[in-house]
PDB file of all heavy atoms in Angstrom:
ATOM      1  N   GLU A   1       0.817  -1.214   0.000  1.00  0.00           N
ATOM      2  CA  GLU A   1       0.000   0.000   0.000  1.00  0.00           C
ATOM      3  C   GLU A   1       0.848   1.261   0.000  1.00  0.00           C
ATOM      4  O   GLU A   1       0.469   2.268  -0.606  1.00  0.00           O
ATOM      5  CB  GLU A   1      -0.964  -0.006   1.186  1.00  0.00           C
ATOM      6  CG  GLU A   1      -2.127  -0.969   1.009  1.00  0.00           C
ATOM      7  CD  GLU A   1      -3.365  -0.541   1.786  1.00  0.00           C
ATOM      8  OE1 GLU A   1      -3.285   0.443   2.556  1.00  0.00           O
ATOM      9  OE2 GLU A   1      -4.418  -1.182   1.604  1.00  0.00           O
ATOM     10  N   ALA A   2       1.995   1.226   0.640  1.00  0.00           N
ATOM     11  CA  ALA A   2       2.861   2.403   0.631  1.00  0.00           C
ATOM     12  C   ALA A   2       3.335   2.699  -0.785  1.00  0.00           C
ATOM     13  O   ALA A   2       3.371   3.861  -1.213  1.00  0.00           O
ATOM     14  CB  ALA A   2       4.052   2.183   1.567  1.00  0.00           C
ATOM     15  N   ASP A   3       3.692   1.642  -1.532  1.00  0.00           N
ATOM     16  CA  ASP A   3       4.093   1.829  -2.926  1.00  0.00           C
ATOM     17  C   ASP A   3       2.939   2.349  -3.764  1.00  0.00           C
ATOM     18  O   ASP A   3       3.122   3.214  -4.625  1.00  0.00           O
ATOM     19  CB  ASP A   3       4.596   0.496  -3.521  1.00  0.00           C
ATOM     20  CG  ASP A   3       6.045   0.213  -3.169  1.00  0.00           C
ATOM     21  OD1 ASP A   3       6.725   1.110  -2.648  1.00  0.00           O
ATOM     22  OD2 ASP A   3       6.492  -0.923  -3.429  1.00  0.00           O
ATOM     23  N   ALA A   4       1.755   1.789  -3.541  1.00  0.00           N
ATOM     24  CA  ALA A   4       0.589   2.196  -4.317  1.00  0.00           C
ATOM     25  C   ALA A   4       0.276   3.675  -4.081  1.00  0.00           C
ATOM     26  O   ALA A   4       0.031   4.432  -5.029  1.00  0.00           O
ATOM     27  CB  ALA A   4      -0.617   1.334  -3.946  1.00  0.00           C
ATOM     28  N   ILE A   5       0.289   4.092  -2.836  1.00  0.00           N
ATOM     29  CA  ILE A   5       0.012   5.494  -2.517  1.00  0.00           C
ATOM     30  C   ILE A   5       1.094   6.389  -3.100  1.00  0.00           C
ATOM     31  O   ILE A   5       0.814   7.465  -3.662  1.00  0.00           O
ATOM     32  CB  ILE A   5      -0.120   5.677  -0.996  1.00  0.00           C
ATOM     33  CG1 ILE A   5      -1.434   5.037  -0.511  1.00  0.00           C
ATOM     34  CG2 ILE A   5      -0.073   7.155  -0.603  1.00  0.00           C
ATOM     35  CD1 ILE A   5      -1.609   5.001   0.987  1.00  0.00           C
ATOM     36  N   ALA A   6       2.349   5.947  -3.019  1.00  0.00           N
ATOM     37  CA  ALA A   6       3.444   6.728  -3.593  1.00  0.00           C
ATOM     38  C   ALA A   6       3.302   6.848  -5.106  1.00  0.00           C
ATOM     39  O   ALA A   6       3.636   7.888  -5.698  1.00  0.00           O
ATOM     40  CB  ALA A   6       4.788   6.091  -3.236  1.00  0.00           C
ATOM     41  N   THR A   7       2.788   5.793  -5.749  1.00  0.00           N
ATOM     42  CA  THR A   7       2.583   5.820  -7.200  1.00  0.00           C
ATOM     43  C   THR A   7       1.545   6.856  -7.583  1.00  0.00           C
ATOM     44  O   THR A   7       1.727   7.638  -8.525  1.00  0.00           O
ATOM     45  CB  THR A   7       2.151   4.425  -7.698  1.00  0.00           C
ATOM     46  OG1 THR A   7       3.176   3.478  -7.390  1.00  0.00           O
ATOM     47  CG2 THR A   7       1.900   4.431  -9.201  1.00  0.00           C
ATOM     48  N   ILE A   8       0.441   6.881  -6.857  1.00  0.00           N
ATOM     49  CA  ILE A   8      -0.610   7.866  -7.127  1.00  0.00           C
ATOM     50  C   ILE A   8      -0.071   9.275  -6.938  1.00  0.00           C
ATOM     51  O   ILE A   8      -0.291  10.171  -7.772  1.00  0.00           O
ATOM     52  CB  ILE A   8      -1.820   7.616  -6.211  1.00  0.00           C
ATOM     53  CG1 ILE A   8      -2.494   6.277  -6.580  1.00  0.00           C
ATOM     54  CG2 ILE A   8      -2.825   8.768  -6.301  1.00  0.00           C
ATOM     55  CD1 ILE A   8      -3.568   5.833  -5.605  1.00  0.00           C
ATOM     56  N   ARG A   9       0.669   9.488  -5.886  1.00  0.00           N
ATOM     57  CA  ARG A   9       1.189  10.828  -5.618  1.00  0.00           C
ATOM     58  C   ARG A   9       2.261  11.232  -6.622  1.00  0.00           C
ATOM     59  O   ARG A   9       2.342  12.403  -7.024  1.00  0.00           O
ATOM     60  CB  ARG A   9       1.722  10.887  -4.184  1.00  0.00           C
ATOM     61  CG  ARG A   9       0.598  10.789  -3.155  1.00  0.00           C
ATOM     62  CD  ARG A   9       1.110  10.780  -1.737  1.00  0.00           C
ATOM     63  NE  ARG A   9       0.001  10.774  -0.778  1.00  0.00           N
ATOM     64  CZ  ARG A   9       0.141  10.658   0.538  1.00  0.00           C
ATOM     65  NH1 ARG A   9       1.366  10.536   1.061  1.00  0.00           N
ATOM     66  NH2 ARG A   9      -0.919  10.665   1.332  1.00  0.00           N
ATOM     67  N   THR A  10       3.084  10.281  -7.052  1.00  0.00           N
ATOM     68  CA  THR A  10       4.097  10.572  -8.075  1.00  0.00           C
ATOM     69  C   THR A  10       3.423  11.017  -9.366  1.00  0.00           C
ATOM     70  O   THR A  10       3.851  11.978 -10.018  1.00  0.00           O
ATOM     71  CB  THR A  10       4.969   9.334  -8.338  1.00  0.00           C
ATOM     72  OG1 THR A  10       5.699   8.997  -7.154  1.00  0.00           O
ATOM     73  CG2 THR A  10       5.955   9.582  -9.479  1.00  0.00           C
ATOM     74  N   ALA A  11       2.357  10.313  -9.744  1.00  0.00           N
ATOM     75  CA  ALA A  11       1.630  10.664 -10.970  1.00  0.00           C
ATOM     76  C   ALA A  11       1.036  12.064 -10.867  1.00  0.00           C
ATOM     77  O   ALA A  11       1.180  12.894 -11.773  1.00  0.00           O
ATOM     78  CB  ALA A  11       0.532   9.635 -11.235  1.00  0.00           C
ATOM     79  N   LEU A  12       0.373  12.361  -9.771  1.00  0.00           N
ATOM     80  CA  LEU A  12      -0.257  13.667  -9.603  1.00  0.00           C
ATOM     81  C   LEU A  12       0.781  14.790  -9.582  1.00  0.00           C
ATOM     82  O   LEU A  12       0.581  15.852 -10.183  1.00  0.00           O
ATOM     83  CB  LEU A  12      -1.089  13.683  -8.326  1.00  0.00           C
ATOM     84  CG  LEU A  12      -2.357  12.802  -8.344  1.00  0.00           C
ATOM     85  CD1 LEU A  12      -2.948  12.712  -6.946  1.00  0.00           C
ATOM     86  CD2 LEU A  12      -3.383  13.351  -9.320  1.00  0.00           C
ATOM     87  N   ASP A  13       1.894  14.560  -8.906  1.00  0.00           N
ATOM     88  CA  ASP A  13       2.935  15.581  -8.836  1.00  0.00           C
ATOM     89  C   ASP A  13       3.533  15.870 -10.215  1.00  0.00           C
ATOM     90  O   ASP A  13       4.000  16.979 -10.484  1.00  0.00           O
ATOM     91  CB  ASP A  13       4.053  15.144  -7.881  1.00  0.00           C
ATOM     92  CG  ASP A  13       3.618  15.169  -6.418  1.00  0.00           C
ATOM     93  OD1 ASP A  13       2.592  15.807  -6.109  1.00  0.00           O
ATOM     94  OD2 ASP A  13       4.311  14.543  -5.588  1.00  0.00           O
ATOM     95  N   ALA A  14       3.494  14.857 -11.109  1.00  0.00           N
ATOM     96  CA  ALA A  14       4.064  15.014 -12.449  1.00  0.00           C
ATOM     97  C   ALA A  14       3.060  15.578 -13.448  1.00  0.00           C
ATOM     98  O   ALA A  14       3.405  15.799 -14.609  1.00  0.00           O
ATOM     99  CB  ALA A  14       4.583  13.670 -12.950  1.00  0.00           C
ATOM    100  N   GLY A  15       1.818  15.791 -13.018  1.00  0.00           N
ATOM    101  CA  GLY A  15       0.806  16.339 -13.912  1.00  0.00           C
ATOM    102  C   GLY A  15      -0.134  15.322 -14.509  1.00  0.00           C
ATOM    103  O   GLY A  15      -0.962  15.660 -15.361  1.00  0.00           O
ATOM    104  N   VAL A  16      -0.016  14.054 -14.095  1.00  0.00           N
ATOM    105  CA  VAL A  16      -0.958  13.022 -14.538  1.00  0.00           C
ATOM    106  C   VAL A  16      -2.139  13.066 -13.582  1.00  0.00           C
ATOM    107  O   VAL A  16      -2.053  12.594 -12.449  1.00  0.00           O
ATOM    108  CB  VAL A  16      -0.308  11.621 -14.520  1.00  0.00           C
ATOM    109  CG1 VAL A  16      -1.334  10.559 -14.886  1.00  0.00           C
ATOM    110  CG2 VAL A  16       0.876  11.577 -15.464  1.00  0.00           C
ATOM    111  N   THR A  17      -3.238  13.628 -14.022  1.00  0.00           N
ATOM    112  CA  THR A  17      -4.346  13.890 -13.102  1.00  0.00           C
ATOM    113  C   THR A  17      -5.492  12.882 -13.188  1.00  0.00           C
ATOM    114  O   THR A  17      -6.298  12.785 -12.271  1.00  0.00           O
ATOM    115  CB  THR A  17      -4.921  15.295 -13.351  1.00  0.00           C
ATOM    116  OG1 THR A  17      -5.325  15.407 -14.716  1.00  0.00           O
ATOM    117  CG2 THR A  17      -3.872  16.359 -13.043  1.00  0.00           C
ATOM    118  N   LEU A  18      -5.588  12.144 -14.303  1.00  0.00           N
ATOM    119  CA  LEU A  18      -6.715  11.228 -14.487  1.00  0.00           C
ATOM    120  C   LEU A  18      -6.399   9.878 -13.844  1.00  0.00           C
ATOM    121  O   LEU A  18      -5.469   9.175 -14.256  1.00  0.00           O
ATOM    122  CB  LEU A  18      -7.010  11.045 -15.973  1.00  0.00           C
ATOM    123  CG  LEU A  18      -8.248  10.190 -16.322  1.00  0.00           C
ATOM    124  CD1 LEU A  18      -9.517  10.807 -15.732  1.00  0.00           C
ATOM    125  CD2 LEU A  18      -8.387  10.039 -17.846  1.00  0.00           C
ATOM    126  N   LEU A  19      -7.170   9.520 -12.829  1.00  0.00           N
ATOM    127  CA  LEU A  19      -7.018   8.245 -12.121  1.00  0.00           C
ATOM    128  C   LEU A  19      -8.208   7.358 -12.460  1.00  0.00           C
ATOM    129  O   LEU A  19      -9.353   7.763 -12.286  1.00  0.00           O
ATOM    130  CB  LEU A  19      -6.958   8.471 -10.608  1.00  0.00           C
ATOM    131  CG  LEU A  19      -5.931   9.472 -10.079  1.00  0.00           C
ATOM    132  CD1 LEU A  19      -6.017   9.562  -8.562  1.00  0.00           C
ATOM    133  CD2 LEU A  19      -4.523   9.092 -10.520  1.00  0.00           C
ATOM    134  N   ASP A  20      -7.925   6.152 -12.933  1.00  0.00           N
ATOM    135  CA  ASP A  20      -9.001   5.240 -13.324  1.00  0.00           C
ATOM    136  C   ASP A  20      -9.177   4.148 -12.277  1.00  0.00           C
ATOM    137  O   ASP A  20      -8.218   3.461 -11.904  1.00  0.00           O
ATOM    138  CB  ASP A  20      -8.684   4.595 -14.678  1.00  0.00           C
ATOM    139  CG  ASP A  20      -9.809   3.681 -15.128  1.00  0.00           C
ATOM    140  OD1 ASP A  20     -10.857   4.203 -15.554  1.00  0.00           O
ATOM    141  OD2 ASP A  20      -9.661   2.449 -15.032  1.00  0.00           O
ATOM    142  N   THR A  21     -10.413   3.979 -11.823  1.00  0.00           N
ATOM    143  CA  THR A  21     -10.712   2.972 -10.816  1.00  0.00           C
ATOM    144  C   THR A  21     -12.080   2.365 -11.113  1.00  0.00           C
ATOM    145  O   THR A  21     -12.716   2.659 -12.131  1.00  0.00           O
ATOM    146  CB  THR A  21     -10.683   3.585  -9.399  1.00  0.00           C
ATOM    147  OG1 THR A  21     -10.879   2.547  -8.425  1.00  0.00           O
ATOM    148  CG2 THR A  21     -11.760   4.654  -9.218  1.00  0.00           C
ATOM    149  N   ALA A  22     -12.546   1.484 -10.242  1.00  0.00           N
ATOM    150  CA  ALA A  22     -13.877   0.872 -10.353  1.00  0.00           C
ATOM    151  C   ALA A  22     -14.321   0.449  -8.964  1.00  0.00           C
ATOM    152  O   ALA A  22     -13.485   0.118  -8.113  1.00  0.00           O
ATOM    153  CB  ALA A  22     -13.843  -0.344 -11.281  1.00  0.00           C
ATOM    154  N   ASP A  23     -15.620   0.435  -8.750  1.00  0.00           N
ATOM    155  CA  ASP A  23     -16.099   0.067  -7.420  1.00  0.00           C
ATOM    156  C   ASP A  23     -15.842  -1.396  -7.094  1.00  0.00           C
ATOM    157  O   ASP A  23     -15.829  -1.794  -5.928  1.00  0.00           O
ATOM    158  CB  ASP A  23     -17.582   0.419  -7.251  1.00  0.00           C
ATOM    159  CG  ASP A  23     -18.501  -0.260  -8.250  1.00  0.00           C
ATOM    160  OD1 ASP A  23     -18.075  -1.184  -8.965  1.00  0.00           O
ATOM    161  OD2 ASP A  23     -19.686   0.154  -8.331  1.00  0.00           O
ATOM    162  N   PHE A  24     -15.594  -2.217  -8.126  1.00  0.00           N
ATOM    163  CA  PHE A  24     -15.346  -3.641  -7.890  1.00  0.00           C
ATOM    164  C   PHE A  24     -13.861  -3.992  -7.849  1.00  0.00           C
ATOM    165  O   PHE A  24     -13.504  -5.148  -7.670  1.00  0.00           O
ATOM    166  CB  PHE A  24     -16.053  -4.489  -8.961  1.00  0.00           C
ATOM    167  CG  PHE A  24     -15.806  -4.047 -10.372  1.00  0.00           C
ATOM    168  CD1 PHE A  24     -14.693  -4.486 -11.082  1.00  0.00           C
ATOM    169  CD2 PHE A  24     -16.700  -3.195 -11.002  1.00  0.00           C
ATOM    170  CE1 PHE A  24     -14.469  -4.077 -12.375  1.00  0.00           C
ATOM    171  CE2 PHE A  24     -16.484  -2.780 -12.323  1.00  0.00           C
ATOM    172  CZ  PHE A  24     -15.369  -3.220 -13.006  1.00  0.00           C
ATOM    173  N   TYR A  25     -12.968  -3.025  -8.009  1.00  0.00           N
ATOM    174  CA  TYR A  25     -11.539  -3.284  -7.843  1.00  0.00           C
ATOM    175  C   TYR A  25     -11.265  -3.497  -6.351  1.00  0.00           C
ATOM    176  O   TYR A  25     -11.344  -2.559  -5.550  1.00  0.00           O
ATOM    177  CB  TYR A  25     -10.693  -2.118  -8.338  1.00  0.00           C
ATOM    178  CG  TYR A  25     -10.643  -1.924  -9.830  1.00  0.00           C
ATOM    179  CD1 TYR A  25     -10.121  -0.755 -10.375  1.00  0.00           C
ATOM    180  CD2 TYR A  25     -11.110  -2.903 -10.716  1.00  0.00           C
ATOM    181  CE1 TYR A  25     -10.061  -0.562 -11.743  1.00  0.00           C
ATOM    182  CE2 TYR A  25     -11.065  -2.711 -12.082  1.00  0.00           C
ATOM    183  CZ  TYR A  25     -10.537  -1.538 -12.594  1.00  0.00           C
ATOM    184  OH  TYR A  25     -10.483  -1.335 -13.958  1.00  0.00           O
ATOM    185  N   GLY A  26     -10.959  -4.735  -6.001  1.00  0.00           N
ATOM    186  CA  GLY A  26     -10.765  -5.039  -4.590  1.00  0.00           C
ATOM    187  C   GLY A  26     -12.039  -4.896  -3.783  1.00  0.00           C
ATOM    188  O   GLY A  26     -11.998  -4.769  -2.565  1.00  0.00           O
TER     189      GLY A  26
END
């Protein structure tokens, strides 16, 4: 989870703003 959260934050900090998810993921 630490890696996953860091990945999301790395993307946002770099200007990648669109995050794709689904209610059935996990």
